[in-house]
Amino acid sequence: QVQLVESGGGLVQAGGSLRLSCAASGIIFSINDMGWYRQAPGKQRDLVAVISSGGSTNYVDSVKGRFTISRDNAKNTVYLQMNSLKPEDTAVYYCNANVDVGFTRRNYWGQGTQVTVSS
């Protein structure tokens, strides 16, 4: 079984920064795309940023220039550096990964970490 464990959420004032981490553990052959999603109260879960195994990145327009996704393949960990945070960034942030386990590719989610930005 594969587990994704997130950390780094919290309460921050507008304009501040937070860094989220997500570590994958378990029986892992390789990890393909890793990403961060967020879900605000009453809204659907939306993609924030994604990074391929080779390091290519994509961001939702609302976070471009403020958030940076990165990964450490040796540690099976993905990060999300969030700068210039705004109240509208408040949400539960979820890590997601496509993991090869043997000859099977499966999609996994973390448990979520709360990010609250006060105005």
N, C-alpha and C. Protein backbone atom coordinates (compact mmCIF):
# COMPACT_ATOMS: atom_id res chain seq x y z
N GLN A 1 0.84 -1.19 0.00
CA GLN A 1 0.00 0.00 0.00
C GLN A 1 0.88 1.24 0.00
N VAL A 2 0.42 2.28 -0.66
CA VAL A 2 1.15 3.54 -0.73
C VAL A 2 0.41 4.60 0.08
N GLN A 3 1.15 5.37 0.82
CA GLN A 3 0.56 6.47 1.59
C GLN A 3 1.22 7.79 1.21
N LEU A 4 0.41 8.84 1.15
CA LEU A 4 0.90 10.20 0.95
C LEU A 4 0.61 10.97 2.22
N VAL A 5 1.64 11.53 2.81
CA VAL A 5 1.48 12.25 4.07
C VAL A 5 1.90 13.70 3.85
N GLU A 6 0.95 14.61 4.07
CA GLU A 6 1.19 16.04 3.88
C GLU A 6 1.55 16.71 5.19
N SER A 7 2.25 17.81 5.09
CA SER A 7 2.56 18.65 6.25
C SER A 7 2.80 20.07 5.77
N GLY A 8 2.75 21.01 6.72
CA GLY A 8 3.11 22.38 6.40
C GLY A 8 1.98 23.38 6.34
N GLY A 9 0.75 22.92 6.47
CA GLY A 9 -0.36 23.87 6.45
C GLY A 9 -0.40 24.69 7.73
N GLY A 10 -1.32 25.64 7.76
CA GLY A 10 -1.46 26.47 8.94
C GLY A 10 -2.17 27.77 8.66
N LEU A 11 -2.08 28.68 9.62
CA LEU A 11 -2.71 30.00 9.53
C LEU A 11 -1.63 31.04 9.25
N VAL A 12 -1.88 31.89 8.27
CA VAL A 12 -0.92 32.92 7.91
C VAL A 12 -1.67 34.17 7.48
N GLN A 13 -1.05 35.32 7.67
CA GLN A 13 -1.67 36.56 7.23
C GLN A 13 -1.49 36.75 5.73
N ALA A 14 -2.38 37.51 5.15
CA ALA A 14 -2.25 37.82 3.73
C ALA A 14 -0.88 38.42 3.43
N GLY A 15 -0.28 37.97 2.34
CA GLY A 15 1.05 38.39 1.97
C GLY A 15 2.15 37.48 2.49
N GLY A 16 1.78 36.58 3.38
CA GLY A 16 2.75 35.66 3.96
C GLY A 16 3.03 34.46 3.08
N SER A 17 3.82 33.53 3.63
CA SER A 17 4.25 32.36 2.88
C SER A 17 4.07 31.09 3.71
N LEU A 18 3.86 30.00 3.01
CA LEU A 18 3.84 28.67 3.61
C LEU A 18 4.47 27.70 2.62
N ARG A 19 5.03 26.63 3.15
CA ARG A 19 5.58 25.57 2.31
C ARG A 19 4.94 24.25 2.70
N LEU A 20 4.27 23.64 1.74
CA LEU A 20 3.66 22.34 1.96
C LEU A 20 4.60 21.24 1.47
N SER A 21 4.57 20.12 2.18
CA SER A 21 5.35 18.95 1.78
C SER A 21 4.43 17.74 1.72
N CYS A 22 4.76 16.81 0.85
CA CYS A 22 3.99 15.56 0.73
C CYS A 22 4.97 14.44 0.44
N ALA A 23 5.06 13.50 1.36
CA ALA A 23 5.99 12.39 1.21
C ALA A 23 5.21 11.10 0.93
N ALA A 24 5.65 10.39 -0.08
CA ALA A 24 5.05 9.11 -0.43
C ALA A 24 5.88 7.98 0.19
N SER A 25 5.18 7.00 0.73
CA SER A 25 5.86 5.85 1.32
C SER A 25 5.12 4.58 0.96
N GLY A 26 5.81 3.46 1.07
CA GLY A 26 5.21 2.18 0.74
C GLY A 26 6.00 1.48 -0.35
N ILE A 27 5.35 0.53 -0.99
CA ILE A 27 6.00 -0.22 -2.05
C ILE A 27 5.83 0.57 -3.35
N ILE A 28 6.89 1.26 -3.74
CA ILE A 28 6.84 2.17 -4.88
C ILE A 28 7.90 1.78 -5.89
N PHE A 29 7.47 1.55 -7.13
CA PHE A 29 8.44 1.33 -8.20
C PHE A 29 8.91 2.66 -8.76
N SER A 30 7.95 3.50 -9.08
CA SER A 30 8.28 4.85 -9.53
C SER A 30 7.04 5.73 -9.37
N ILE A 31 7.27 7.03 -9.31
CA ILE A 31 6.18 8.00 -9.21
C ILE A 31 6.19 8.86 -10.45
N ASN A 32 5.07 8.97 -11.08
CA ASN A 32 4.95 9.79 -12.28
C ASN A 32 4.54 11.20 -11.87
N ASP A 33 3.45 11.72 -12.42
CA ASP A 33 3.03 13.06 -12.06
C ASP A 33 2.67 13.15 -10.58
N MET A 34 3.06 14.26 -9.97
CA MET A 34 2.63 14.59 -8.61
C MET A 34 2.00 15.98 -8.66
N GLY A 35 0.99 16.17 -7.85
CA GLY A 35 0.32 17.46 -7.91
C GLY A 35 -0.31 17.87 -6.60
N TRP A 36 -0.72 19.12 -6.59
CA TRP A 36 -1.44 19.67 -5.45
C TRP A 36 -2.81 20.17 -5.93
N TYR A 37 -3.83 19.83 -5.17
CA TYR A 37 -5.19 20.28 -5.41
C TYR A 37 -5.65 21.03 -4.16
N ARG A 38 -6.72 21.80 -4.31
CA ARG A 38 -7.30 22.45 -3.14
C ARG A 38 -8.80 22.47 -3.25
N GLN A 39 -9.41 22.48 -2.06
CA GLN A 39 -10.87 22.50 -1.99
C GLN A 39 -11.30 23.47 -0.91
N ALA A 40 -11.97 24.53 -1.34
CA ALA A 40 -12.52 25.51 -0.40
C ALA A 40 -13.91 25.04 0.02
N PRO A 41 -14.41 25.52 1.16
CA PRO A 41 -15.73 25.11 1.64
C PRO A 41 -16.80 25.37 0.59
N GLY A 42 -17.60 24.34 0.32
CA GLY A 42 -18.70 24.48 -0.62
C GLY A 42 -18.30 24.46 -2.08
N LYS A 43 -17.02 24.22 -2.36
CA LYS A 43 -16.55 24.23 -3.74
C LYS A 43 -15.95 22.88 -4.10
N GLN A 44 -15.74 22.65 -5.39
CA GLN A 44 -15.14 21.41 -5.82
C GLN A 44 -13.63 21.45 -5.63
N ARG A 45 -13.02 20.27 -5.69
CA ARG A 45 -11.57 20.17 -5.58
C ARG A 45 -10.96 20.51 -6.93
N ASP A 46 -10.04 21.46 -6.94
CA ASP A 46 -9.43 21.94 -8.17
C ASP A 46 -7.92 21.76 -8.17
N LEU A 47 -7.37 21.55 -9.35
CA LEU A 47 -5.92 21.45 -9.49
C LEU A 47 -5.27 22.80 -9.24
N VAL A 48 -4.17 22.78 -8.49
CA VAL A 48 -3.38 23.99 -8.25
C VAL A 48 -2.10 23.95 -9.09
N ALA A 49 -1.37 22.84 -9.00
CA ALA A 49 -0.11 22.72 -9.72
C ALA A 49 0.23 21.25 -9.88
N VAL A 50 0.98 20.94 -10.94
CA VAL A 50 1.39 19.56 -11.19
C VAL A 50 2.82 19.57 -11.69
N ILE A 51 3.56 18.51 -11.37
CA ILE A 51 4.93 18.37 -11.81
C ILE A 51 5.16 16.95 -12.30
N SER A 52 5.78 16.82 -13.45
CA SER A 52 6.06 15.50 -14.00
C SER A 52 7.31 14.91 -13.35
N SER A 53 7.57 13.65 -13.64
CA SER A 53 8.76 13.01 -13.10
C SER A 53 10.03 13.68 -13.62
N GLY A 54 9.93 14.31 -14.78
CA GLY A 54 11.09 15.00 -15.35
C GLY A 54 11.22 16.44 -14.93
N GLY A 55 10.24 16.94 -14.17
CA GLY A 55 10.33 18.29 -13.64
C GLY A 55 9.52 19.34 -14.38
N SER A 56 8.77 18.95 -15.41
CA SER A 56 7.90 19.91 -16.09
C SER A 56 6.74 20.29 -15.17
N THR A 57 6.39 21.57 -15.18
CA THR A 57 5.36 22.06 -14.26
C THR A 57 4.23 22.77 -14.99
N ASN A 58 3.07 22.76 -14.36
CA ASN A 58 1.93 23.52 -14.82
C ASN A 58 1.18 24.06 -13.61
N TYR A 59 0.64 25.26 -13.76
CA TYR A 59 -0.06 25.92 -12.66
C TYR A 59 -1.41 26.46 -13.13
N VAL A 60 -2.34 26.53 -12.21
CA VAL A 60 -3.57 27.25 -12.48
C VAL A 60 -3.23 28.73 -12.54
N ASP A 61 -3.93 29.48 -13.37
CA ASP A 61 -3.56 30.88 -13.59
C ASP A 61 -3.53 31.70 -12.30
N SER A 62 -4.42 31.41 -11.38
CA SER A 62 -4.54 32.23 -10.18
C SER A 62 -3.33 32.15 -9.25
N VAL A 63 -2.47 31.17 -9.43
CA VAL A 63 -1.30 31.04 -8.54
C VAL A 63 0.02 31.26 -9.28
N LYS A 64 -0.04 31.45 -10.58
CA LYS A 64 1.20 31.65 -11.35
C LYS A 64 1.95 32.87 -10.83
N GLY A 65 3.25 32.71 -10.63
CA GLY A 65 4.08 33.79 -10.12
C GLY A 65 4.12 33.87 -8.61
N ARG A 66 3.24 33.13 -7.94
CA ARG A 66 3.20 33.14 -6.47
C ARG A 66 3.56 31.78 -5.87
N PHE A 67 3.13 30.70 -6.53
CA PHE A 67 3.37 29.36 -6.01
C PHE A 67 4.43 28.66 -6.88
N THR A 68 5.21 27.80 -6.24
CA THR A 68 6.20 27.00 -6.96
C THR A 68 6.11 25.55 -6.50
N ILE A 69 5.92 24.65 -7.45
CA ILE A 69 5.90 23.23 -7.14
C ILE A 69 7.27 22.64 -7.49
N SER A 70 7.75 21.74 -6.63
CA SER A 70 9.02 21.08 -6.88
C SER A 70 8.95 19.68 -6.29
N ARG A 71 9.94 18.87 -6.61
CA ARG A 71 9.95 17.51 -6.09
C ARG A 71 11.37 17.03 -5.90
N ASP A 72 11.51 16.09 -4.95
CA ASP A 72 12.77 15.41 -4.70
C ASP A 72 12.52 13.93 -4.95
N ASN A 73 12.93 13.46 -6.11
CA ASN A 73 12.63 12.08 -6.49
C ASN A 73 13.30 11.07 -5.56
N ALA A 74 14.45 11.41 -5.04
CA ALA A 74 15.15 10.49 -4.13
C ALA A 74 14.37 10.29 -2.84
N LYS A 75 13.60 11.30 -2.46
CA LYS A 75 12.82 11.24 -1.22
C LYS A 75 11.34 10.97 -1.48
N ASN A 76 10.96 10.80 -2.75
CA ASN A 76 9.54 10.60 -3.10
C ASN A 76 8.66 11.69 -2.49
N THR A 77 9.13 12.91 -2.58
CA THR A 77 8.46 14.04 -1.93
C THR A 77 8.20 15.17 -2.93
N VAL A 78 7.03 15.77 -2.79
CA VAL A 78 6.68 16.94 -3.59
C VAL A 78 6.41 18.10 -2.65
N TYR A 79 6.76 19.29 -3.10
CA TYR A 79 6.63 20.49 -2.28
C TYR A 79 5.78 21.53 -3.02
N LEU A 80 5.17 22.41 -2.24
CA LEU A 80 4.48 23.56 -2.81
C LEU A 80 4.86 24.78 -1.98
N GLN A 81 5.69 25.63 -2.56
CA GLN A 81 6.05 26.88 -1.92
C GLN A 81 5.01 27.92 -2.30
N MET A 82 4.35 28.49 -1.31
CA MET A 82 3.28 29.44 -1.55
C MET A 82 3.68 30.80 -0.98
N ASN A 83 3.84 31.77 -1.85
CA ASN A 83 4.20 33.13 -1.45
C ASN A 83 3.07 34.09 -1.78
N SER A 84 3.13 35.27 -1.20
CA SER A 84 2.12 36.31 -1.44
C SER A 84 0.71 35.74 -1.31
N LEU A 85 0.48 35.04 -0.24
CA LEU A 85 -0.80 34.36 -0.06
C LEU A 85 -1.93 35.37 0.08
N LYS A 86 -3.09 34.97 -0.44
CA LYS A 86 -4.29 35.79 -0.41
C LYS A 86 -5.39 35.04 0.34
N PRO A 87 -6.37 35.77 0.88
CA PRO A 87 -7.47 35.08 1.57
C PRO A 87 -8.17 34.05 0.68
N GLU A 88 -8.23 34.31 -0.61
CA GLU A 88 -8.88 33.36 -1.51
C GLU A 88 -8.09 32.08 -1.72
N ASP A 89 -6.87 32.01 -1.20
CA ASP A 89 -6.10 30.77 -1.23
C ASP A 89 -6.50 29.82 -0.09
N THR A 90 -7.35 30.30 0.81
CA THR A 90 -7.79 29.47 1.93
C THR A 90 -8.54 28.24 1.43
N ALA A 91 -8.07 27.07 1.86
CA ALA A 91 -8.66 25.81 1.41
C ALA A 91 -7.95 24.65 2.10
N VAL A 92 -8.49 23.46 1.92
CA VAL A 92 -7.75 22.25 2.27
C VAL A 92 -6.95 21.85 1.04
N TYR A 93 -5.67 21.67 1.22
CA TYR A 93 -4.77 21.32 0.12
C TYR A 93 -4.46 19.82 0.17
N TYR A 94 -4.63 19.18 -0.98
CA TYR A 94 -4.43 17.74 -1.09
C TYR A 94 -3.30 17.43 -2.06
N CYS A 95 -2.48 16.49 -1.66
CA CYS A 95 -1.43 15.97 -2.52
C CYS A 95 -1.99 14.81 -3.34
N ASN A 96 -1.51 14.68 -4.55
CA ASN A 96 -1.95 13.61 -5.44
C ASN A 96 -0.76 13.06 -6.20
N ALA A 97 -0.75 11.75 -6.43
CA ALA A 97 0.37 11.15 -7.15
C ALA A 97 -0.08 9.94 -7.95
N ASN A 98 0.49 9.80 -9.13
CA ASN A 98 0.31 8.59 -9.93
C ASN A 98 1.54 7.71 -9.70
N VAL A 99 1.32 6.55 -9.10
CA VAL A 99 2.41 5.71 -8.62
C VAL A 99 2.38 4.36 -9.34
N ASP A 100 3.55 3.94 -9.81
CA ASP A 100 3.69 2.60 -10.37
C ASP A 100 4.03 1.64 -9.24
N VAL A 101 3.14 0.66 -9.04
CA VAL A 101 3.37 -0.38 -8.04
C VAL A 101 3.43 -1.69 -8.82
N GLY A 102 4.65 -2.19 -9.00
CA GLY A 102 4.80 -3.33 -9.89
C GLY A 102 4.45 -2.91 -11.30
N PHE A 103 3.50 -3.62 -11.95
CA PHE A 103 3.11 -3.31 -13.32
C PHE A 103 1.80 -2.52 -13.36
N THR A 104 1.37 -2.03 -12.22
CA THR A 104 0.10 -1.32 -12.11
C THR A 104 0.34 0.14 -11.76
N ARG A 105 -0.35 1.06 -12.44
CA ARG A 105 -0.28 2.48 -12.11
C ARG A 105 -1.56 2.85 -11.37
N ARG A 106 -1.40 3.41 -10.21
CA ARG A 106 -2.54 3.79 -9.38
C ARG A 106 -2.43 5.24 -8.95
N ASN A 107 -3.59 5.82 -8.67
CA ASN A 107 -3.65 7.21 -8.23
C ASN A 107 -3.94 7.26 -6.74
N TYR A 108 -3.18 8.08 -6.03
CA TYR A 108 -3.32 8.18 -4.58
C TYR A 108 -3.52 9.63 -4.16
N TRP A 109 -4.23 9.79 -3.05
CA TRP A 109 -4.47 11.10 -2.44
C TRP A 109 -3.93 11.13 -1.02
N GLY A 110 -3.45 12.30 -0.61
CA GLY A 110 -3.13 12.51 0.78
C GLY A 110 -4.38 12.85 1.57
N GLN A 111 -4.21 13.04 2.87
CA GLN A 111 -5.36 13.28 3.75
C GLN A 111 -5.80 14.73 3.76
N GLY A 112 -4.96 15.60 3.23
CA GLY A 112 -5.29 17.02 3.18
C GLY A 112 -4.68 17.79 4.34
N THR A 113 -4.33 19.04 4.06
CA THR A 113 -3.81 19.92 5.09
C THR A 113 -4.46 21.30 4.92
N GLN A 114 -4.90 21.87 6.03
CA GLN A 114 -5.65 23.12 5.98
C GLN A 114 -4.70 24.31 5.84
N VAL A 115 -5.00 25.18 4.91
CA VAL A 115 -4.31 26.46 4.76
C VAL A 115 -5.34 27.56 4.93
N THR A 116 -5.10 28.43 5.89
CA THR A 116 -6.01 29.54 6.16
C THR A 116 -5.23 30.85 6.07
N VAL A 117 -5.71 31.75 5.22
CA VAL A 117 -5.06 33.04 5.03
C VAL A 117 -6.00 34.12 5.53
N SER A 118 -5.56 34.85 6.53
CA SER A 118 -6.39 35.90 7.11
C SER A 118 -6.11 37.24 6.43
N SER A 119 -7.14 38.06 6.36
CA SER A 119 -6.99 39.37 5.70
C SER A 119 -6.54 40.44 6.67
